[in-house]
Amino acid sequence: MSLSPEEETARKRYIVMNAVRIGGIAVLLIGIAMARGVVPGPWWLGAFLAVDGLITFFFAPTLLVRHWKKADRERPGGSDA
């Protein structure tokens, strides 16, 4: 089964968005473990990582989509919508 270039691009972007979300959850869990003392490290670093993981999970995919839409509009032949 051969995918069109648009479908291939959409597939790759979907994979990247999900990888970013999974990475955000991983950072969140490591941060919680560090803040609770399960993983060695200062509690403040664990708290920072936990907050960073939450921000990454919720906002990074949205920022990626905005970036991709802007790049698509600037590319010759991109959609104007």
PDB file of N, CA and C in Angstrom:
ATOM      1  N   MET A   1       0.841  -1.175   0.000  1.00  0.00           N
ATOM      2  CA  MET A   1       0.000   0.000   0.000  1.00  0.00           C
ATOM      3  C   MET A   1       0.887   1.239   0.000  1.00  0.00           C
ATOM      4  N   SER A   2       0.693   2.063  -0.993  1.00  0.00           N
ATOM      5  CA  SER A   2       1.496   3.262  -1.127  1.00  0.00           C
ATOM      6  C   SER A   2       0.708   4.477  -0.642  1.00  0.00           C
ATOM      7  N   LEU A   3       1.354   5.282   0.183  1.00  0.00           N
ATOM      8  CA  LEU A   3       0.711   6.483   0.699  1.00  0.00           C
ATOM      9  C   LEU A   3       1.107   7.683  -0.146  1.00  0.00           C
ATOM     10  N   SER A   4       0.189   8.630  -0.242  1.00  0.00           N
ATOM     11  CA  SER A   4       0.509   9.876  -0.942  1.00  0.00           C
ATOM     12  C   SER A   4       1.483  10.677  -0.077  1.00  0.00           C
ATOM     13  N   PRO A   5       2.173  11.647  -0.670  1.00  0.00           N
ATOM     14  CA  PRO A   5       3.110  12.458   0.136  1.00  0.00           C
ATOM     15  C   PRO A   5       2.417  13.169   1.302  1.00  0.00           C
ATOM     16  N   GLU A   6       1.182  13.617   1.102  1.00  0.00           N
ATOM     17  CA  GLU A   6       0.455  14.286   2.186  1.00  0.00           C
ATOM     18  C   GLU A   6       0.129  13.322   3.317  1.00  0.00           C
ATOM     19  N   GLU A   7      -0.259  12.110   2.945  1.00  0.00           N
ATOM     20  CA  GLU A   7      -0.568  11.099   3.962  1.00  0.00           C
ATOM     21  C   GLU A   7       0.686  10.675   4.719  1.00  0.00           C
ATOM     22  N   GLU A   8       1.793  10.574   4.020  1.00  0.00           N
ATOM     23  CA  GLU A   8       3.061  10.209   4.664  1.00  0.00           C
ATOM     24  C   GLU A   8       3.500  11.296   5.648  1.00  0.00           C
ATOM     25  N   THR A   9       3.347  12.558   5.239  1.00  0.00           N
ATOM     26  CA  THR A   9       3.687  13.673   6.129  1.00  0.00           C
ATOM     27  C   THR A   9       2.785  13.666   7.353  1.00  0.00           C
ATOM     28  N   ALA A  10       1.495  13.465   7.153  1.00  0.00           N
ATOM     29  CA  ALA A  10       0.553  13.420   8.280  1.00  0.00           C
ATOM     30  C   ALA A  10       0.889  12.277   9.226  1.00  0.00           C
ATOM     31  N   ARG A  11       1.259  11.132   8.670  1.00  0.00           N
ATOM     32  CA  ARG A  11       1.621   9.973   9.493  1.00  0.00           C
ATOM     33  C   ARG A  11       2.846  10.270  10.353  1.00  0.00           C
ATOM     34  N   LYS A  12       3.855  10.878   9.749  1.00  0.00           N
ATOM     35  CA  LYS A  12       5.079  11.208  10.497  1.00  0.00           C
ATOM     36  C   LYS A  12       4.783  12.233  11.594  1.00  0.00           C
ATOM     37  N   ARG A  13       3.964  13.223  11.276  1.00  0.00           N
ATOM     38  CA  ARG A  13       3.627  14.249  12.266  1.00  0.00           C
ATOM     39  C   ARG A  13       2.829  13.656  13.423  1.00  0.00           C
ATOM     40  N   TYR A  14       1.944  12.726  13.136  1.00  0.00           N
ATOM     41  CA  TYR A  14       1.169  12.059  14.181  1.00  0.00           C
ATOM     42  C   TYR A  14       2.094  11.293  15.123  1.00  0.00           C
ATOM     43  N   ILE A  15       3.067  10.597  14.551  1.00  0.00           N
ATOM     44  CA  ILE A  15       4.031   9.843  15.362  1.00  0.00           C
ATOM     45  C   ILE A  15       4.845  10.787  16.240  1.00  0.00           C
ATOM     46  N   VAL A  16       5.286  11.914  15.676  1.00  0.00           N
ATOM     47  CA  VAL A  16       6.074  12.879  16.443  1.00  0.00           C
ATOM     48  C   VAL A  16       5.241  13.462  17.584  1.00  0.00           C
ATOM     49  N   MET A  17       3.996  13.827  17.301  1.00  0.00           N
ATOM     50  CA  MET A  17       3.147  14.388  18.361  1.00  0.00           C
ATOM     51  C   MET A  17       2.954  13.402  19.504  1.00  0.00           C
ATOM     52  N   ASN A  18       2.729  12.143  19.183  1.00  0.00           N
ATOM     53  CA  ASN A  18       2.554  11.148  20.242  1.00  0.00           C
ATOM     54  C   ASN A  18       3.852  10.873  20.986  1.00  0.00           C
ATOM     55  N   ALA A  19       4.974  10.900  20.300  1.00  0.00           N
ATOM     56  CA  ALA A  19       6.268  10.720  20.970  1.00  0.00           C
ATOM     57  C   ALA A  19       6.533  11.864  21.947  1.00  0.00           C
ATOM     58  N   VAL A  20       6.167  13.083  21.561  1.00  0.00           N
ATOM     59  CA  VAL A  20       6.341  14.232  22.453  1.00  0.00           C
ATOM     60  C   VAL A  20       5.463  14.075  23.692  1.00  0.00           C
ATOM     61  N   ARG A  21       4.231  13.636  23.498  1.00  0.00           N
ATOM     62  CA  ARG A  21       3.344  13.431  24.648  1.00  0.00           C
ATOM     63  C   ARG A  21       3.864  12.331  25.569  1.00  0.00           C
ATOM     64  N   ILE A  22       4.320  11.241  25.007  1.00  0.00           N
ATOM     65  CA  ILE A  22       4.867  10.151  25.830  1.00  0.00           C
ATOM     66  C   ILE A  22       6.112  10.624  26.570  1.00  0.00           C
ATOM     67  N   GLY A  23       6.946  11.407  25.898  1.00  0.00           N
ATOM     68  CA  GLY A  23       8.125  11.974  26.561  1.00  0.00           C
ATOM     69  C   GLY A  23       7.741  12.883  27.711  1.00  0.00           C
ATOM     70  N   GLY A  24       6.696  13.678  27.520  1.00  0.00           N
ATOM     71  CA  GLY A  24       6.222  14.550  28.599  1.00  0.00           C
ATOM     72  C   GLY A  24       5.759  13.760  29.802  1.00  0.00           C
ATOM     73  N   ILE A  25       5.049  12.664  29.565  1.00  0.00           N
ATOM     74  CA  ILE A  25       4.604  11.805  30.673  1.00  0.00           C
ATOM     75  C   ILE A  25       5.805  11.168  31.367  1.00  0.00           C
ATOM     76  N   ALA A  26       6.810  10.756  30.594  1.00  0.00           N
ATOM     77  CA  ALA A  26       8.013  10.153  31.190  1.00  0.00           C
ATOM     78  C   ALA A  26       8.726  11.161  32.088  1.00  0.00           C
ATOM     79  N   VAL A  27       8.867  12.393  31.623  1.00  0.00           N
ATOM     80  CA  VAL A  27       9.518  13.433  32.426  1.00  0.00           C
ATOM     81  C   VAL A  27       8.691  13.719  33.681  1.00  0.00           C
ATOM     82  N   LEU A  28       7.380  13.757  33.538  1.00  0.00           N
ATOM     83  CA  LEU A  28       6.497  13.966  34.688  1.00  0.00           C
ATOM     84  C   LEU A  28       6.708  12.880  35.736  1.00  0.00           C
ATOM     85  N   LEU A  29       6.714  11.627  35.312  1.00  0.00           N
ATOM     86  CA  LEU A  29       6.867  10.521  36.266  1.00  0.00           C
ATOM     87  C   LEU A  29       8.238  10.519  36.935  1.00  0.00           C
ATOM     88  N   ILE A  30       9.278  10.812  36.165  1.00  0.00           N
ATOM     89  CA  ILE A  30      10.614  10.899  36.762  1.00  0.00           C
ATOM     90  C   ILE A  30      10.662  12.032  37.774  1.00  0.00           C
ATOM     91  N   GLY A  31      10.043  13.163  37.429  1.00  0.00           N
ATOM     92  CA  GLY A  31      10.009  14.298  38.350  1.00  0.00           C
ATOM     93  C   GLY A  31       9.276  13.975  39.639  1.00  0.00           C
ATOM     94  N   ILE A  32       8.149  13.296  39.526  1.00  0.00           N
ATOM     95  CA  ILE A  32       7.401  12.918  40.732  1.00  0.00           C
ATOM     96  C   ILE A  32       8.227  11.953  41.579  1.00  0.00           C
ATOM     97  N   ALA A  33       8.850  10.993  40.930  1.00  0.00           N
ATOM     98  CA  ALA A  33       9.679  10.031  41.676  1.00  0.00           C
ATOM     99  C   ALA A  33      10.842  10.732  42.365  1.00  0.00           C
ATOM    100  N   MET A  34      11.430  11.704  41.688  1.00  0.00           N
ATOM    101  CA  MET A  34      12.562  12.429  42.285  1.00  0.00           C
ATOM    102  C   MET A  34      12.088  13.301  43.444  1.00  0.00           C
ATOM    103  N   ALA A  35      10.953  13.961  43.292  1.00  0.00           N
ATOM    104  CA  ALA A  35      10.428  14.813  44.367  1.00  0.00           C
ATOM    105  C   ALA A  35      10.033  13.989  45.591  1.00  0.00           C
ATOM    106  N   ARG A  36       9.603  12.747  45.364  1.00  0.00           N
ATOM    107  CA  ARG A  36       9.204  11.881  46.470  1.00  0.00           C
ATOM    108  C   ARG A  36      10.379  11.118  47.090  1.00  0.00           C
ATOM    109  N   GLY A  37      11.560  11.206  46.481  1.00  0.00           N
ATOM    110  CA  GLY A  37      12.725  10.535  47.035  1.00  0.00           C
ATOM    111  C   GLY A  37      12.942   9.128  46.530  1.00  0.00           C
ATOM    112  N   VAL A  38      12.158   8.678  45.584  1.00  0.00           N
ATOM    113  CA  VAL A  38      12.327   7.333  45.032  1.00  0.00           C
ATOM    114  C   VAL A  38      13.556   7.291  44.131  1.00  0.00           C
ATOM    115  N   VAL A  39      13.742   8.351  43.371  1.00  0.00           N
ATOM    116  CA  VAL A  39      14.915   8.496  42.507  1.00  0.00           C
ATOM    117  C   VAL A  39      15.819   9.542  43.165  1.00  0.00           C
ATOM    118  N   PRO A  40      17.123   9.256  43.282  1.00  0.00           N
ATOM    119  CA  PRO A  40      17.993  10.228  43.943  1.00  0.00           C
ATOM    120  C   PRO A  40      18.074  11.540  43.173  1.00  0.00           C
ATOM    121  N   GLY A  41      18.054  12.608  43.921  1.00  0.00           N
ATOM    122  CA  GLY A  41      18.150  13.948  43.351  1.00  0.00           C
ATOM    123  C   GLY A  41      17.438  14.929  44.258  1.00  0.00           C
ATOM    124  N   PRO A  42      17.708  16.211  44.056  1.00  0.00           N
ATOM    125  CA  PRO A  42      17.051  17.223  44.904  1.00  0.00           C
ATOM    126  C   PRO A  42      15.552  17.308  44.586  1.00  0.00           C
ATOM    127  N   TRP A  43      14.761  17.579  45.604  1.00  0.00           N
ATOM    128  CA  TRP A  43      13.305  17.622  45.420  1.00  0.00           C
ATOM    129  C   TRP A  43      12.899  18.728  44.472  1.00  0.00           C
ATOM    130  N   TRP A  44      13.638  19.862  44.513  1.00  0.00           N
ATOM    131  CA  TRP A  44      13.260  20.984  43.651  1.00  0.00           C
ATOM    132  C   TRP A  44      13.436  20.643  42.172  1.00  0.00           C
ATOM    133  N   LEU A  45      14.426  19.830  41.849  1.00  0.00           N
ATOM    134  CA  LEU A  45      14.601  19.398  40.468  1.00  0.00           C
ATOM    135  C   LEU A  45      13.462  18.474  40.062  1.00  0.00           C
ATOM    136  N   GLY A  46      13.045  17.614  40.978  1.00  0.00           N
ATOM    137  CA  GLY A  46      11.905  16.749  40.707  1.00  0.00           C
ATOM    138  C   GLY A  46      10.634  17.547  40.476  1.00  0.00           C
ATOM    139  N   ALA A  47      10.412  18.571  41.295  1.00  0.00           N
ATOM    140  CA  ALA A  47       9.223  19.414  41.114  1.00  0.00           C
ATOM    141  C   ALA A  47       9.285  20.137  39.775  1.00  0.00           C
ATOM    142  N   PHE A  48      10.461  20.638  39.426  1.00  0.00           N
ATOM    143  CA  PHE A  48      10.622  21.317  38.138  1.00  0.00           C
ATOM    144  C   PHE A  48      10.339  20.362  36.980  1.00  0.00           C
ATOM    145  N   LEU A  49      10.877  19.145  37.053  1.00  0.00           N
ATOM    146  CA  LEU A  49      10.651  18.172  35.989  1.00  0.00           C
ATOM    147  C   LEU A  49       9.176  17.779  35.886  1.00  0.00           C
ATOM    148  N   ALA A  50       8.510  17.670  37.025  1.00  0.00           N
ATOM    149  CA  ALA A  50       7.093  17.318  37.005  1.00  0.00           C
ATOM    150  C   ALA A  50       6.280  18.412  36.313  1.00  0.00           C
ATOM    151  N   VAL A  51       6.538  19.649  36.646  1.00  0.00           N
ATOM    152  CA  VAL A  51       5.825  20.765  36.004  1.00  0.00           C
ATOM    153  C   VAL A  51       6.173  20.835  34.526  1.00  0.00           C
ATOM    154  N   ASP A  52       7.449  20.651  34.206  1.00  0.00           N
ATOM    155  CA  ASP A  52       7.875  20.669  32.808  1.00  0.00           C
ATOM    156  C   ASP A  52       7.205  19.546  32.013  1.00  0.00           C
ATOM    157  N   GLY A  53       7.070  18.382  32.608  1.00  0.00           N
ATOM    158  CA  GLY A  53       6.403  17.272  31.939  1.00  0.00           C
ATOM    159  C   GLY A  53       4.940  17.570  31.652  1.00  0.00           C
ATOM    160  N   LEU A  54       4.267  18.208  32.608  1.00  0.00           N
ATOM    161  CA  LEU A  54       2.871  18.588  32.389  1.00  0.00           C
ATOM    162  C   LEU A  54       2.740  19.611  31.265  1.00  0.00           C
ATOM    163  N   ILE A  55       3.591  20.614  31.287  1.00  0.00           N
ATOM    164  CA  ILE A  55       3.556  21.644  30.245  1.00  0.00           C
ATOM    165  C   ILE A  55       3.847  21.030  28.881  1.00  0.00           C
ATOM    166  N   THR A  56       4.833  20.161  28.830  1.00  0.00           N
ATOM    167  CA  THR A  56       5.171  19.495  27.574  1.00  0.00           C
ATOM    168  C   THR A  56       3.999  18.662  27.066  1.00  0.00           C
ATOM    169  N   PHE A  57       3.376  17.905  27.952  1.00  0.00           N
ATOM    170  CA  PHE A  57       2.265  17.039  27.551  1.00  0.00           C
ATOM    171  C   PHE A  57       1.106  17.845  26.971  1.00  0.00           C
ATOM    172  N   PHE A  58       0.771  18.962  27.600  1.00  0.00           N
ATOM    173  CA  PHE A  58      -0.405  19.695  27.172  1.00  0.00           C
ATOM    174  C   PHE A  58      -0.141  20.716  26.070  1.00  0.00           C
ATOM    175  N   PHE A  59       1.026  21.358  26.054  1.00  0.00           N
ATOM    176  CA  PHE A  59       1.220  22.480  25.145  1.00  0.00           C
ATOM    177  C   PHE A  59       2.161  22.220  23.973  1.00  0.00           C
ATOM    178  N   ALA A  60       3.094  21.307  24.092  1.00  0.00           N
ATOM    179  CA  ALA A  60       4.049  21.078  23.004  1.00  0.00           C
ATOM    180  C   ALA A  60       3.381  20.579  21.722  1.00  0.00           C
ATOM    181  N   PRO A  61       2.421  19.648  21.776  1.00  0.00           N
ATOM    182  CA  PRO A  61       1.774  19.237  20.526  1.00  0.00           C
ATOM    183  C   PRO A  61       1.056  20.391  19.823  1.00  0.00           C
ATOM    184  N   THR A  62       0.424  21.269  20.599  1.00  0.00           N
ATOM    185  CA  THR A  62      -0.245  22.423  20.007  1.00  0.00           C
ATOM    186  C   THR A  62       0.758  23.340  19.321  1.00  0.00           C
ATOM    187  N   LEU A  63       1.888  23.557  19.959  1.00  0.00           N
ATOM    188  CA  LEU A  63       2.922  24.400  19.352  1.00  0.00           C
ATOM    189  C   LEU A  63       3.493  23.757  18.092  1.00  0.00           C
ATOM    190  N   LEU A  64       3.641  22.445  18.106  1.00  0.00           N
ATOM    191  CA  LEU A  64       4.106  21.751  16.908  1.00  0.00           C
ATOM    192  C   LEU A  64       3.131  21.923  15.751  1.00  0.00           C
ATOM    193  N   VAL A  65       1.840  21.775  16.022  1.00  0.00           N
ATOM    194  CA  VAL A  65       0.837  21.921  14.972  1.00  0.00           C
ATOM    195  C   VAL A  65       0.867  23.336  14.400  1.00  0.00           C
ATOM    196  N   ARG A  66       0.986  24.333  15.263  1.00  0.00           N
ATOM    197  CA  ARG A  66       1.082  25.720  14.775  1.00  0.00           C
ATOM    198  C   ARG A  66       2.299  25.897  13.879  1.00  0.00           C
ATOM    199  N   HIS A  67       3.416  25.344  14.295  1.00  0.00           N
ATOM    200  CA  HIS A  67       4.637  25.457  13.501  1.00  0.00           C
ATOM    201  C   HIS A  67       4.470  24.778  12.144  1.00  0.00           C
ATOM    202  N   TRP A  68       3.895  23.593  12.138  1.00  0.00           N
ATOM    203  CA  TRP A  68       3.718  22.854  10.894  1.00  0.00           C
ATOM    204  C   TRP A  68       2.746  23.574   9.962  1.00  0.00           C
ATOM    205  N   LYS A  69       1.665  24.134  10.508  1.00  0.00           N
ATOM    206  CA  LYS A  69       0.717  24.863   9.667  1.00  0.00           C
ATOM    207  C   LYS A  69       1.367  26.090   9.052  1.00  0.00           C
ATOM    208  N   LYS A  70       2.166  26.800   9.843  1.00  0.00           N
ATOM    209  CA  LYS A  70       2.862  27.976   9.331  1.00  0.00           C
ATOM    210  C   LYS A  70       3.835  27.572   8.232  1.00  0.00           C
ATOM    211  N   ALA A  71       4.575  26.500   8.441  1.00  0.00           N
ATOM    212  CA  ALA A  71       5.529  26.031   7.431  1.00  0.00           C
ATOM    213  C   ALA A  71       4.803  25.591   6.166  1.00  0.00           C
ATOM    214  N   ASP A  72       3.634  24.972   6.301  1.00  0.00           N
ATOM    215  CA  ASP A  72       2.857  24.544   5.135  1.00  0.00           C
ATOM    216  C   ASP A  72       2.353  25.745   4.335  1.00  0.00           C
ATOM    217  N   ARG A  73       1.942  26.807   5.023  1.00  0.00           N
ATOM    218  CA  ARG A  73       1.463  28.000   4.326  1.00  0.00           C
ATOM    219  C   ARG A  73       2.590  28.710   3.585  1.00  0.00           C
ATOM    220  N   GLU A  74       3.798  28.688   4.166  1.00  0.00           N
ATOM    221  CA  GLU A  74       4.931  29.377   3.553  1.00  0.00           C
ATOM    222  C   GLU A  74       5.545  28.596   2.404  1.00  0.00           C
ATOM    223  N   ARG A  75       5.304  27.301   2.369  1.00  0.00           N
ATOM    224  CA  ARG A  75       5.847  26.468   1.302  1.00  0.00           C
ATOM    225  C   ARG A  75       5.088  26.735   0.008  1.00  0.00           C
ATOM    226  N   PRO A  76       5.770  26.788  -1.119  1.00  0.00           N
ATOM    227  CA  PRO A  76       5.078  26.974  -2.390  1.00  0.00           C
ATOM    228  C   PRO A  76       4.081  25.835  -2.621  1.00  0.00           C
ATOM    229  N   GLY A  77       2.877  26.198  -2.982  1.00  0.00           N
ATOM    230  CA  GLY A  77       1.850  25.186  -3.196  1.00  0.00           C
ATOM    231  C   GLY A  77       1.118  24.803  -1.936  1.00  0.00           C
ATOM    232  N   GLY A  78       1.444  25.456  -0.794  1.00  0.00           N
ATOM    233  CA  GLY A  78       0.763  25.157   0.457  1.00  0.00           C
ATOM    234  C   GLY A  78      -0.627  25.727   0.458  1.00  0.00           C
ATOM    235  N   SER A  79      -1.458  25.258   1.370  1.00  0.00           N
ATOM    236  CA  SER A  79      -2.838  25.731   1.414  1.00  0.00           C
ATOM    237  C   SER A  79      -2.890  27.125   2.040  1.00  0.00           C
ATOM    238  N   ASP A  80      -3.863  27.887   1.630  1.00  0.00           N
ATOM    239  CA  ASP A  80      -4.056  29.238   2.166  1.00  0.00           C
ATOM    240  C   ASP A  80      -5.069  29.258   3.288  1.00  0.00           C
ATOM    241  N   ALA A  81      -5.674  28.138   3.581  1.00  0.00           N
ATOM    242  CA  ALA A  81      -6.738  28.094   4.601  1.00  0.00           C
ATOM    243  C   ALA A  81      -6.182  28.020   5.986  1.00  0.00           C
TER     244      ALA A  81
END
